[in-house]
Amino acid sequence: SRKNQTALVAVVVGLGPIRLPSPLFRVIHFFFAPANLVDLVAILPGVLGTFVDIDGGGFVVLRLIRLTRLFRVLRSRSFIEPVIIIGRTLSQSTSALNILMFNLLLGVVIS
């Protein structure tokens, strides 16, 4: 029975030391995670724009990648219920929103 207790402790706790990944491995793993690469590409035009004066072209494509960050936020589990509620509310109030947009456009045209 003492042998069984020792075996049980060895199975539950383990005999060897816990091996954690090195800090360098964790940093590299963090930087090359797909979600973090999307974030890096999303902020890249702003960072490069401070050093280089290039308009249009490739920067427009990089700016469009920022939309993927929005989709990632909307896909997370903590935002599912609020997004469903907002979508349902917008679909139920489309006629009121159409009237609001008509009045807004009318005000712009008149002024």
PDB file of N, CA and C in Angstrom:
ATOM      1  N   SER A   1       0.820  -1.200   0.000  1.00  0.00           N
ATOM      2  CA  SER A   1       0.000   0.000   0.000  1.00  0.00           C
ATOM      3  C   SER A   1       0.857   1.254   0.000  1.00  0.00           C
ATOM      4  N   ARG A   2       1.972   1.259   0.709  1.00  0.00           N
ATOM      5  CA  ARG A   2       2.905   2.397   0.634  1.00  0.00           C
ATOM      6  C   ARG A   2       3.458   2.531  -0.777  1.00  0.00           C
ATOM      7  N   LYS A   3       3.676   1.396  -1.410  1.00  0.00           N
ATOM      8  CA  LYS A   3       4.153   1.378  -2.786  1.00  0.00           C
ATOM      9  C   LYS A   3       3.073   1.931  -3.722  1.00  0.00           C
ATOM     10  N   ASN A   4       1.815   1.589  -3.473  1.00  0.00           N
ATOM     11  CA  ASN A   4       0.714   2.101  -4.273  1.00  0.00           C
ATOM     12  C   ASN A   4       0.560   3.613  -4.107  1.00  0.00           C
ATOM     13  N   GLN A   5       0.743   4.087  -2.873  1.00  0.00           N
ATOM     14  CA  GLN A   5       0.660   5.534  -2.636  1.00  0.00           C
ATOM     15  C   GLN A   5       1.778   6.271  -3.361  1.00  0.00           C
ATOM     16  N   THR A   6       2.966   5.707  -3.317  1.00  0.00           N
ATOM     17  CA  THR A   6       4.096   6.325  -4.003  1.00  0.00           C
ATOM     18  C   THR A   6       3.860   6.330  -5.516  1.00  0.00           C
ATOM     19  N   ALA A   7       3.318   5.240  -6.039  1.00  0.00           N
ATOM     20  CA  ALA A   7       3.024   5.171  -7.469  1.00  0.00           C
ATOM     21  C   ALA A   7       1.941   6.176  -7.841  1.00  0.00           C
ATOM     22  N   LEU A   8       0.912   6.318  -6.981  1.00  0.00           N
ATOM     23  CA  LEU A   8      -0.149   7.281  -7.244  1.00  0.00           C
ATOM     24  C   LEU A   8       0.389   8.706  -7.236  1.00  0.00           C
ATOM     25  N   VAL A   9       1.230   9.028  -6.271  1.00  0.00           N
ATOM     26  CA  VAL A   9       1.831  10.370  -6.217  1.00  0.00           C
ATOM     27  C   VAL A   9       2.698  10.602  -7.452  1.00  0.00           C
ATOM     28  N   ALA A  10       3.432   9.588  -7.883  1.00  0.00           N
ATOM     29  CA  ALA A  10       4.287   9.730  -9.064  1.00  0.00           C
ATOM     30  C   ALA A  10       3.450   9.976 -10.312  1.00  0.00           C
ATOM     31  N   VAL A  11       2.287   9.340 -10.407  1.00  0.00           N
ATOM     32  CA  VAL A  11       1.431   9.539 -11.582  1.00  0.00           C
ATOM     33  C   VAL A  11       0.790  10.919 -11.553  1.00  0.00           C
ATOM     34  N   VAL A  12       0.283  11.330 -10.368  1.00  0.00           N
ATOM     35  CA  VAL A  12      -0.429  12.594 -10.267  1.00  0.00           C
ATOM     36  C   VAL A  12       0.528  13.774 -10.331  1.00  0.00           C
ATOM     37  N   VAL A  13       1.566  13.746  -9.545  1.00  0.00           N
ATOM     38  CA  VAL A  13       2.484  14.881  -9.452  1.00  0.00           C
ATOM     39  C   VAL A  13       3.575  14.802 -10.503  1.00  0.00           C
ATOM     40  N   GLY A  14       4.061  13.624 -10.743  1.00  0.00           N
ATOM     41  CA  GLY A  14       5.155  13.458 -11.686  1.00  0.00           C
ATOM     42  C   GLY A  14       6.478  13.494 -10.968  1.00  0.00           C
ATOM     43  N   LEU A  15       7.442  12.792 -11.504  1.00  0.00           N
ATOM     44  CA  LEU A  15       8.741  12.723 -10.848  1.00  0.00           C
ATOM     45  C   LEU A  15       9.738  13.709 -11.426  1.00  0.00           C
ATOM     46  N   GLY A  16       9.607  14.010 -12.692  1.00  0.00           N
ATOM     47  CA  GLY A  16      10.568  14.895 -13.344  1.00  0.00           C
ATOM     48  C   GLY A  16      10.207  16.352 -13.159  1.00  0.00           C
ATOM     49  N   PRO A  17      11.163  17.220 -13.403  1.00  0.00           N
ATOM     50  CA  PRO A  17      10.873  18.653 -13.299  1.00  0.00           C
ATOM     51  C   PRO A  17       9.970  19.108 -14.455  1.00  0.00           C
ATOM     52  N   ILE A  18       9.223  20.151 -14.200  1.00  0.00           N
ATOM     53  CA  ILE A  18       8.368  20.718 -15.235  1.00  0.00           C
ATOM     54  C   ILE A  18       9.245  21.523 -16.179  1.00  0.00           C
ATOM     55  N   ARG A  19       9.137  21.229 -17.460  1.00  0.00           N
ATOM     56  CA  ARG A  19       9.968  21.914 -18.448  1.00  0.00           C
ATOM     57  C   ARG A  19       9.104  22.934 -19.183  1.00  0.00           C
ATOM     58  N   LEU A  20       9.384  24.176 -18.953  1.00  0.00           N
ATOM     59  CA  LEU A  20       8.683  25.262 -19.633  1.00  0.00           C
ATOM     60  C   LEU A  20       9.506  25.711 -20.828  1.00  0.00           C
ATOM     61  N   PRO A  21       8.840  26.206 -21.888  1.00  0.00           N
ATOM     62  CA  PRO A  21       9.612  26.726 -23.022  1.00  0.00           C
ATOM     63  C   PRO A  21      10.404  27.962 -22.617  1.00  0.00           C
ATOM     64  N   SER A  22      11.501  28.158 -23.286  1.00  0.00           N
ATOM     65  CA  SER A  22      12.352  29.303 -22.965  1.00  0.00           C
ATOM     66  C   SER A  22      11.644  30.606 -23.329  1.00  0.00           C
ATOM     67  N   PRO A  23      12.035  31.712 -22.686  1.00  0.00           N
ATOM     68  CA  PRO A  23      11.411  32.999 -23.029  1.00  0.00           C
ATOM     69  C   PRO A  23      11.602  33.373 -24.496  1.00  0.00           C
ATOM     70  N   LEU A  24      12.739  33.054 -25.069  1.00  0.00           N
ATOM     71  CA  LEU A  24      12.975  33.368 -26.480  1.00  0.00           C
ATOM     72  C   LEU A  24      12.012  32.584 -27.367  1.00  0.00           C
ATOM     73  N   PHE A  25      11.793  31.311 -27.068  1.00  0.00           N
ATOM     74  CA  PHE A  25      10.847  30.506 -27.841  1.00  0.00           C
ATOM     75  C   PHE A  25       9.444  31.075 -27.716  1.00  0.00           C
ATOM     76  N   ARG A  26       9.047  31.509 -26.527  1.00  0.00           N
ATOM     77  CA  ARG A  26       7.714  32.065 -26.338  1.00  0.00           C
ATOM     78  C   ARG A  26       7.540  33.363 -27.106  1.00  0.00           C
ATOM     79  N   VAL A  27       8.568  34.212 -27.135  1.00  0.00           N
ATOM     80  CA  VAL A  27       8.488  35.475 -27.876  1.00  0.00           C
ATOM     81  C   VAL A  27       8.385  35.210 -29.376  1.00  0.00           C
ATOM     82  N   ILE A  28       9.194  34.287 -29.878  1.00  0.00           N
ATOM     83  CA  ILE A  28       9.148  33.958 -31.309  1.00  0.00           C
ATOM     84  C   ILE A  28       7.798  33.355 -31.662  1.00  0.00           C
ATOM     85  N   HIS A  29       7.289  32.485 -30.815  1.00  0.00           N
ATOM     86  CA  HIS A  29       5.970  31.876 -31.055  1.00  0.00           C
ATOM     87  C   HIS A  29       4.881  32.943 -31.058  1.00  0.00           C
ATOM     88  N   PHE A  30       4.996  33.933 -30.172  1.00  0.00           N
ATOM     89  CA  PHE A  30       4.022  35.021 -30.119  1.00  0.00           C
ATOM     90  C   PHE A  30       4.056  35.857 -31.397  1.00  0.00           C
ATOM     91  N   PHE A  31       5.244  36.228 -31.860  1.00  0.00           N
ATOM     92  CA  PHE A  31       5.353  37.086 -33.037  1.00  0.00           C
ATOM     93  C   PHE A  31       4.868  36.408 -34.307  1.00  0.00           C
ATOM     94  N   PHE A  32       5.043  35.099 -34.399  1.00  0.00           N
ATOM     95  CA  PHE A  32       4.682  34.409 -35.635  1.00  0.00           C
ATOM     96  C   PHE A  32       3.320  33.722 -35.566  1.00  0.00           C
ATOM     97  N   ALA A  33       2.543  34.014 -34.553  1.00  0.00           N
ATOM     98  CA  ALA A  33       1.168  33.518 -34.517  1.00  0.00           C
ATOM     99  C   ALA A  33       0.371  34.240 -35.605  1.00  0.00           C
ATOM    100  N   PRO A  34      -0.507  33.541 -36.311  1.00  0.00           N
ATOM    101  CA  PRO A  34      -1.219  34.160 -37.450  1.00  0.00           C
ATOM    102  C   PRO A  34      -2.000  35.420 -37.070  1.00  0.00           C
ATOM    103  N   ALA A  35      -2.658  35.417 -35.923  1.00  0.00           N
ATOM    104  CA  ALA A  35      -3.433  36.600 -35.528  1.00  0.00           C
ATOM    105  C   ALA A  35      -2.520  37.796 -35.290  1.00  0.00           C
ATOM    106  N   ASN A  36      -1.361  37.565 -34.734  1.00  0.00           N
ATOM    107  CA  ASN A  36      -0.434  38.664 -34.475  1.00  0.00           C
ATOM    108  C   ASN A  36       0.227  39.157 -35.754  1.00  0.00           C
ATOM    109  N   LEU A  37       0.436  38.274 -36.723  1.00  0.00           N
ATOM    110  CA  LEU A  37       0.973  38.713 -38.015  1.00  0.00           C
ATOM    111  C   LEU A  37      -0.025  39.612 -38.738  1.00  0.00           C
ATOM    112  N   VAL A  38      -1.329  39.293 -38.615  1.00  0.00           N
ATOM    113  CA  VAL A  38      -2.352  40.148 -39.214  1.00  0.00           C
ATOM    114  C   VAL A  38      -2.318  41.520 -38.560  1.00  0.00           C
ATOM    115  N   ASP A  39      -2.167  41.566 -37.233  1.00  0.00           N
ATOM    116  CA  ASP A  39      -2.073  42.853 -36.549  1.00  0.00           C
ATOM    117  C   ASP A  39      -0.842  43.639 -36.999  1.00  0.00           C
ATOM    118  N   LEU A  40       0.268  42.953 -37.169  1.00  0.00           N
ATOM    119  CA  LEU A  40       1.496  43.621 -37.621  1.00  0.00           C
ATOM    120  C   LEU A  40       1.310  44.204 -39.018  1.00  0.00           C
ATOM    121  N   VAL A  41       0.711  43.443 -39.918  1.00  0.00           N
ATOM    122  CA  VAL A  41       0.478  43.929 -41.285  1.00  0.00           C
ATOM    123  C   VAL A  41      -0.521  45.085 -41.269  1.00  0.00           C
ATOM    124  N   ALA A  42      -1.454  45.070 -40.310  1.00  0.00           N
ATOM    125  CA  ALA A  42      -2.458  46.135 -40.245  1.00  0.00           C
ATOM    126  C   ALA A  42      -1.842  47.460 -39.823  1.00  0.00           C
ATOM    127  N   ILE A  43      -0.853  47.433 -38.928  1.00  0.00           N
ATOM    128  CA  ILE A  43      -0.253  48.696 -38.487  1.00  0.00           C
ATOM    129  C   ILE A  43       0.957  49.093 -39.315  1.00  0.00           C
ATOM    130  N   LEU A  44       1.395  48.189 -40.172  1.00  0.00           N
ATOM    131  CA  LEU A  44       2.586  48.463 -40.980  1.00  0.00           C
ATOM    132  C   LEU A  44       2.473  49.708 -41.856  1.00  0.00           C
ATOM    133  N   PRO A  45       1.337  49.991 -42.523  1.00  0.00           N
ATOM    134  CA  PRO A  45       1.262  51.207 -43.348  1.00  0.00           C
ATOM    135  C   PRO A  45       1.459  52.491 -42.543  1.00  0.00           C
ATOM    136  N   GLY A  46       0.919  52.515 -41.337  1.00  0.00           N
ATOM    137  CA  GLY A  46       1.097  53.713 -40.511  1.00  0.00           C
ATOM    138  C   GLY A  46       2.537  53.920 -40.101  1.00  0.00           C
ATOM    139  N   VAL A  47       3.210  52.829 -39.756  1.00  0.00           N
ATOM    140  CA  VAL A  47       4.613  52.925 -39.347  1.00  0.00           C
ATOM    141  C   VAL A  47       5.487  53.292 -40.538  1.00  0.00           C
ATOM    142  N   LEU A  48       5.263  52.629 -41.679  1.00  0.00           N
ATOM    143  CA  LEU A  48       6.074  52.936 -42.855  1.00  0.00           C
ATOM    144  C   LEU A  48       5.756  54.315 -43.425  1.00  0.00           C
ATOM    145  N   GLY A  49       4.514  54.781 -43.248  1.00  0.00           N
ATOM    146  CA  GLY A  49       4.125  56.088 -43.760  1.00  0.00           C
ATOM    147  C   GLY A  49       4.853  57.228 -43.088  1.00  0.00           C
ATOM    148  N   THR A  50       5.329  57.013 -41.869  1.00  0.00           N
ATOM    149  CA  THR A  50       6.080  58.068 -41.193  1.00  0.00           C
ATOM    150  C   THR A  50       7.490  58.218 -41.773  1.00  0.00           C
ATOM    151  N   PHE A  51       8.025  57.152 -42.354  1.00  0.00           N
ATOM    152  CA  PHE A  51       9.381  57.203 -42.888  1.00  0.00           C
ATOM    153  C   PHE A  51       9.428  57.381 -44.399  1.00  0.00           C
ATOM    154  N   VAL A  52       8.408  56.884 -45.109  1.00  0.00           N
ATOM    155  CA  VAL A  52       8.407  56.897 -46.569  1.00  0.00           C
ATOM    156  C   VAL A  52       7.137  57.590 -47.041  1.00  0.00           C
ATOM    157  N   ASP A  53       7.254  58.472 -48.033  1.00  0.00           N
ATOM    158  CA  ASP A  53       6.087  59.150 -48.597  1.00  0.00           C
ATOM    159  C   ASP A  53       5.638  58.440 -49.870  1.00  0.00           C
ATOM    160  N   ILE A  54       4.831  57.389 -49.692  1.00  0.00           N
ATOM    161  CA  ILE A  54       4.280  56.651 -50.829  1.00  0.00           C
ATOM    162  C   ILE A  54       2.765  56.676 -50.673  1.00  0.00           C
ATOM    163  N   ASP A  55       2.069  57.119 -51.695  1.00  0.00           N
ATOM    164  CA  ASP A  55       0.613  57.185 -51.653  1.00  0.00           C
ATOM    165  C   ASP A  55       0.024  56.117 -52.566  1.00  0.00           C
ATOM    166  N   GLY A  56      -1.133  55.593 -52.161  1.00  0.00           N
ATOM    167  CA  GLY A  56      -1.862  54.631 -52.980  1.00  0.00           C
ATOM    168  C   GLY A  56      -1.132  53.315 -53.106  1.00  0.00           C
ATOM    169  N   GLY A  57      -1.435  52.589 -54.169  1.00  0.00           N
ATOM    170  CA  GLY A  57      -0.739  51.348 -54.479  1.00  0.00           C
ATOM    171  C   GLY A  57      -0.875  50.278 -53.418  1.00  0.00           C
ATOM    172  N   GLY A  58       0.271  49.789 -52.983  1.00  0.00           N
ATOM    173  CA  GLY A  58       0.301  48.681 -52.039  1.00  0.00           C
ATOM    174  C   GLY A  58      -0.232  49.029 -50.665  1.00  0.00           C
ATOM    175  N   PHE A  59      -0.138  50.291 -50.271  1.00  0.00           N
ATOM    176  CA  PHE A  59      -0.622  50.665 -48.947  1.00  0.00           C
ATOM    177  C   PHE A  59      -2.133  50.527 -48.837  1.00  0.00           C
ATOM    178  N   VAL A  60      -2.834  50.682 -49.940  1.00  0.00           N
ATOM    179  CA  VAL A  60      -4.294  50.514 -49.911  1.00  0.00           C
ATOM    180  C   VAL A  60      -4.634  49.075 -49.568  1.00  0.00           C
ATOM    181  N   VAL A  61      -3.902  48.134 -50.148  1.00  0.00           N
ATOM    182  CA  VAL A  61      -4.133  46.717 -49.859  1.00  0.00           C
ATOM    183  C   VAL A  61      -3.835  46.432 -48.387  1.00  0.00           C
ATOM    184  N   LEU A  62      -2.756  46.996 -47.874  1.00  0.00           N
ATOM    185  CA  LEU A  62      -2.424  46.772 -46.468  1.00  0.00           C
ATOM    186  C   LEU A  62      -3.464  47.382 -45.546  1.00  0.00           C
ATOM    187  N   ARG A  63      -4.037  48.498 -45.951  1.00  0.00           N
ATOM    188  CA  ARG A  63      -5.078  49.112 -45.120  1.00  0.00           C
ATOM    189  C   ARG A  63      -6.352  48.274 -45.113  1.00  0.00           C
ATOM    190  N   LEU A  64      -6.612  47.578 -46.213  1.00  0.00           N
ATOM    191  CA  LEU A  64      -7.795  46.709 -46.264  1.00  0.00           C
ATOM    192  C   LEU A  64      -7.659  45.520 -45.322  1.00  0.00           C
ATOM    193  N   ILE A  65      -6.443  45.134 -45.025  1.00  0.00           N
ATOM    194  CA  ILE A  65      -6.226  44.009 -44.116  1.00  0.00           C
ATOM    195  C   ILE A  65      -6.703  44.354 -42.713  1.00  0.00           C
ATOM    196  N   ARG A  66      -6.809  45.632 -42.403  1.00  0.00           N
ATOM    197  CA  ARG A  66      -7.315  46.032 -41.090  1.00  0.00           C
ATOM    198  C   ARG A  66      -8.719  45.508 -40.844  1.00  0.00           C
ATOM    199  N   LEU A  67      -9.490  45.310 -41.908  1.00  0.00           N
ATOM    200  CA  LEU A  67     -10.845  44.777 -41.748  1.00  0.00           C
ATOM    201  C   LEU A  67     -10.833  43.379 -41.155  1.00  0.00           C
ATOM    202  N   THR A  68      -9.783  42.617 -41.406  1.00  0.00           N
ATOM    203  CA  THR A  68      -9.729  41.268 -40.847  1.00  0.00           C
ATOM    204  C   THR A  68      -9.666  41.312 -39.332  1.00  0.00           C
ATOM    205  N   ARG A  69      -9.078  42.354 -38.775  1.00  0.00           N
ATOM    206  CA  ARG A  69      -9.050  42.492 -37.319  1.00  0.00           C
ATOM    207  C   ARG A  69     -10.458  42.676 -36.776  1.00  0.00           C
ATOM    208  N   LEU A  70     -11.281  43.432 -37.499  1.00  0.00           N
ATOM    209  CA  LEU A  70     -12.663  43.627 -37.069  1.00  0.00           C
ATOM    210  C   LEU A  70     -13.422  42.305 -37.096  1.00  0.00           C
ATOM    211  N   PHE A  71     -13.235  41.526 -38.159  1.00  0.00           N
ATOM    212  CA  PHE A  71     -13.913  40.236 -38.250  1.00  0.00           C
ATOM    213  C   PHE A  71     -13.448  39.293 -37.151  1.00  0.00           C
ATOM    214  N   ARG A  72     -12.179  39.381 -36.772  1.00  0.00           N
ATOM    215  CA  ARG A  72     -11.675  38.525 -35.706  1.00  0.00           C
ATOM    216  C   ARG A  72     -12.326  38.882 -34.378  1.00  0.00           C
ATOM    217  N   VAL A  73     -12.533  40.164 -34.130  1.00  0.00           N
ATOM    218  CA  VAL A  73     -13.194  40.583 -32.897  1.00  0.00           C
ATOM    219  C   VAL A  73     -14.637  40.127 -32.892  1.00  0.00           C
ATOM    220  N   LEU A  74     -15.317  40.268 -34.024  1.00  0.00           N
ATOM    221  CA  LEU A  74     -16.717  39.862 -34.096  1.00  0.00           C
ATOM    222  C   LEU A  74     -16.888  38.358 -33.975  1.00  0.00           C
ATOM    223  N   ARG A  75     -15.856  37.610 -34.280  1.00  0.00           N
ATOM    224  CA  ARG A  75     -15.935  36.158 -34.226  1.00  0.00           C
ATOM    225  C   ARG A  75     -15.657  35.609 -32.827  1.00  0.00           C
ATOM    226  N   SER A  76     -15.079  36.394 -31.943  1.00  0.00           N
ATOM    227  CA  SER A  76     -14.740  35.889 -30.616  1.00  0.00           C
ATOM    228  C   SER A  76     -15.998  35.558 -29.825  1.00  0.00           C
ATOM    229  N   ARG A  77     -15.887  34.614 -28.948  1.00  0.00           N
ATOM    230  CA  ARG A  77     -17.043  34.097 -28.212  1.00  0.00           C
ATOM    231  C   ARG A  77     -17.677  35.134 -27.296  1.00  0.00           C
ATOM    232  N   SER A  78     -16.905  36.036 -26.763  1.00  0.00           N
ATOM    233  CA  SER A  78     -17.465  37.002 -25.815  1.00  0.00           C
ATOM    234  C   SER A  78     -18.346  38.039 -26.505  1.00  0.00           C
ATOM    235  N   PHE A  79     -18.235  38.188 -27.820  1.00  0.00           N
ATOM    236  CA  PHE A  79     -19.027  39.180 -28.540  1.00  0.00           C
ATOM    237  C   PHE A  79     -20.156  38.572 -29.366  1.00  0.00           C
ATOM    238  N   ILE A  80     -20.361  37.273 -29.290  1.00  0.00           N
ATOM    239  CA  ILE A  80     -21.368  36.645 -30.147  1.00  0.00           C
ATOM    240  C   ILE A  80     -22.766  37.151 -29.821  1.00  0.00           C
ATOM    241  N   GLU A  81     -23.141  37.145 -28.543  1.00  0.00           N
ATOM    242  CA  GLU A  81     -24.502  37.565 -28.182  1.00  0.00           C
ATOM    243  C   GLU A  81     -24.765  39.040 -28.495  1.00  0.00           C
ATOM    244  N   PRO A  82     -23.855  39.977 -28.146  1.00  0.00           N
ATOM    245  CA  PRO A  82     -24.119  41.372 -28.526  1.00  0.00           C
ATOM    246  C   PRO A  82     -24.208  41.591 -30.032  1.00  0.00           C
ATOM    247  N   VAL A  83     -23.395  40.882 -30.809  1.00  0.00           N
ATOM    248  CA  VAL A  83     -23.449  41.033 -32.268  1.00  0.00           C
ATOM    249  C   VAL A  83     -24.784  40.520 -32.794  1.00  0.00           C
ATOM    250  N   ILE A  84     -25.280  39.419 -32.242  1.00  0.00           N
ATOM    251  CA  ILE A  84     -26.588  38.897 -32.664  1.00  0.00           C
ATOM    252  C   ILE A  84     -27.688  39.893 -32.330  1.00  0.00           C
ATOM    253  N   ILE A  85     -27.625  40.479 -31.147  1.00  0.00           N
ATOM    254  CA  ILE A  85     -28.649  41.449 -30.737  1.00  0.00           C
ATOM    255  C   ILE A  85     -28.612  42.689 -31.627  1.00  0.00           C
ATOM    256  N   ILE A  86     -27.415  43.190 -31.910  1.00  0.00           N
ATOM    257  CA  ILE A  86     -27.295  44.379 -32.772  1.00  0.00           C
ATOM    258  C   ILE A  86     -27.788  44.060 -34.186  1.00  0.00           C
ATOM    259  N   GLY A  87     -27.435  42.887 -34.716  1.00  0.00           N
ATOM    260  CA  GLY A  87     -27.902  42.507 -36.045  1.00  0.00           C
ATOM    261  C   GLY A  87     -29.412  42.382 -36.105  1.00  0.00           C
ATOM    262  N   ARG A  88     -30.002  41.789 -35.083  1.00  0.00           N
ATOM    263  CA  ARG A  88     -31.461  41.652 -35.047  1.00  0.00           C
ATOM    264  C   ARG A  88     -32.129  43.019 -34.955  1.00  0.00           C
ATOM    265  N   THR A  89     -31.554  43.910 -34.143  1.00  0.00           N
ATOM    266  CA  THR A  89     -32.112  45.252 -34.003  1.00  0.00           C
ATOM    267  C   THR A  89     -32.045  46.023 -35.318  1.00  0.00           C
ATOM    268  N   LEU A  90     -30.909  45.931 -36.005  1.00  0.00           N
ATOM    269  CA  LEU A  90     -30.776  46.630 -37.288  1.00  0.00           C
ATOM    270  C   LEU A  90     -31.740  46.077 -38.333  1.00  0.00           C
ATOM    271  N   SER A  91     -31.918  44.768 -38.351  1.00  0.00           N
ATOM    272  CA  SER A  91     -32.835  44.205 -39.346  1.00  0.00           C
ATOM    273  C   SER A  91     -34.291  44.569 -39.049  1.00  0.00           C
ATOM    274  N   GLN A  92     -34.632  44.729 -37.783  1.00  0.00           N
ATOM    275  CA  GLN A  92     -36.005  45.091 -37.439  1.00  0.00           C
ATOM    276  C   GLN A  92     -36.281  46.579 -37.629  1.00  0.00           C
ATOM    277  N   SER A  93     -35.241  47.389 -37.678  1.00  0.00           N
ATOM    278  CA  SER A  93     -35.461  48.831 -37.785  1.00  0.00           C
ATOM    279  C   SER A  93     -34.979  49.397 -39.113  1.00  0.00           C
ATOM    280  N   THR A  94     -34.972  48.601 -40.165  1.00  0.00           N
ATOM    281  CA  THR A  94     -34.492  49.100 -41.461  1.00  0.00           C
ATOM    282  C   THR A  94     -35.399  50.199 -42.020  1.00  0.00           C
ATOM    283  N   SER A  95     -36.711  50.086 -41.826  1.00  0.00           N
ATOM    284  CA  SER A  95     -37.590  51.131 -42.363  1.00  0.00           C
ATOM    285  C   SER A  95     -37.345  52.463 -41.654  1.00  0.00           C
ATOM    286  N   ALA A  96     -37.149  52.429 -40.342  1.00  0.00           N
ATOM    287  CA  ALA A  96     -36.857  53.665 -39.618  1.00  0.00           C
ATOM    288  C   ALA A  96     -35.495  54.231 -40.023  1.00  0.00           C
ATOM    289  N   LEU A  97     -34.526  53.358 -40.257  1.00  0.00           N
ATOM    290  CA  LEU A  97     -33.210  53.827 -40.701  1.00  0.00           C
ATOM    291  C   LEU A  97     -33.275  54.405 -42.109  1.00  0.00           C
ATOM    292  N   ASN A  98     -34.116  53.843 -42.965  1.00  0.00           N
ATOM    293  CA  ASN A  98     -34.282  54.399 -44.319  1.00  0.00           C
ATOM    294  C   ASN A  98     -34.885  55.799 -44.266  1.00  0.00           C
ATOM    295  N   ILE A  99     -35.872  55.998 -43.406  1.00  0.00           N
ATOM    296  CA  ILE A  99     -36.472  57.332 -43.251  1.00  0.00           C
ATOM    297  C   ILE A  99     -35.436  58.309 -42.702  1.00  0.00           C
ATOM    298  N   LEU A 100     -34.638  57.859 -41.748  1.00  0.00           N
ATOM    299  CA  LEU A 100     -33.583  58.706 -41.184  1.00  0.00           C
ATOM    300  C   LEU A 100     -32.570  59.101 -42.252  1.00  0.00           C
ATOM    301  N   MET A 101     -32.160  58.165 -43.092  1.00  0.00           N
ATOM    302  CA  MET A 101     -31.210  58.476 -44.158  1.00  0.00           C
ATOM    303  C   MET A 101     -31.824  59.425 -45.187  1.00  0.00           C
ATOM    304  N   PHE A 102     -33.110  59.239 -45.490  1.00  0.00           N
ATOM    305  CA  PHE A 102     -33.782  60.139 -46.426  1.00  0.00           C
ATOM    306  C   PHE A 102     -33.795  61.560 -45.874  1.00  0.00           C
ATOM    307  N   ASN A 103     -34.133  61.718 -44.591  1.00  0.00           N
ATOM    308  CA  ASN A 103     -34.136  63.051 -43.985  1.00  0.00           C
ATOM    309  C   ASN A 103     -32.740  63.650 -43.942  1.00  0.00           C
ATOM    310  N   LEU A 104     -31.741  62.825 -43.704  1.00  0.00           N
ATOM    311  CA  LEU A 104     -30.363  63.314 -43.696  1.00  0.00           C
ATOM    312  C   LEU A 104     -29.961  63.799 -45.083  1.00  0.00           C
ATOM    313  N   LEU A 105     -30.258  63.033 -46.114  1.00  0.00           N
ATOM    314  CA  LEU A 105     -29.933  63.439 -47.477  1.00  0.00           C
ATOM    315  C   LEU A 105     -30.720  64.682 -47.893  1.00  0.00           C
ATOM    316  N   LEU A 106     -31.965  64.766 -47.457  1.00  0.00           N
ATOM    317  CA  LEU A 106     -32.783  65.949 -47.749  1.00  0.00           C
ATOM    318  C   LEU A 106     -32.170  67.180 -47.105  1.00  0.00           C
ATOM    319  N   GLY A 107     -31.708  67.044 -45.867  1.00  0.00           N
ATOM    320  CA  GLY A 107     -31.061  68.175 -45.186  1.00  0.00           C
ATOM    321  C   GLY A 107     -29.775  68.599 -45.863  1.00  0.00           C
ATOM    322  N   VAL A 108     -29.016  67.606 -46.375  1.00  0.00           N
ATOM    323  CA  VAL A 108     -27.769  67.933 -47.079  1.00  0.00           C
ATOM    324  C   VAL A 108     -28.083  68.664 -48.387  1.00  0.00           C
ATOM    325  N   VAL A 109     -29.081  68.197 -49.124  1.00  0.00           N
ATOM    326  CA  VAL A 109     -29.428  68.818 -50.413  1.00  0.00           C
ATOM    327  C   VAL A 109     -29.962  70.234 -50.199  1.00  0.00           C
ATOM    328  N   ILE A 110     -30.799  70.439 -49.209  1.00  0.00           N
ATOM    329  CA  ILE A 110     -31.383  71.765 -48.969  1.00  0.00           C
ATOM    330  C   ILE A 110     -30.345  72.760 -48.481  1.00  0.00           C
ATOM    331  N   SER A 111     -29.427  72.304 -47.647  1.00  0.00           N
ATOM    332  CA  SER A 111     -28.444  73.268 -47.102  1.00  0.00           C
ATOM    333  C   SER A 111     -27.307  73.439 -48.026  1.00  0.00           C
TER     334      SER A 111
END
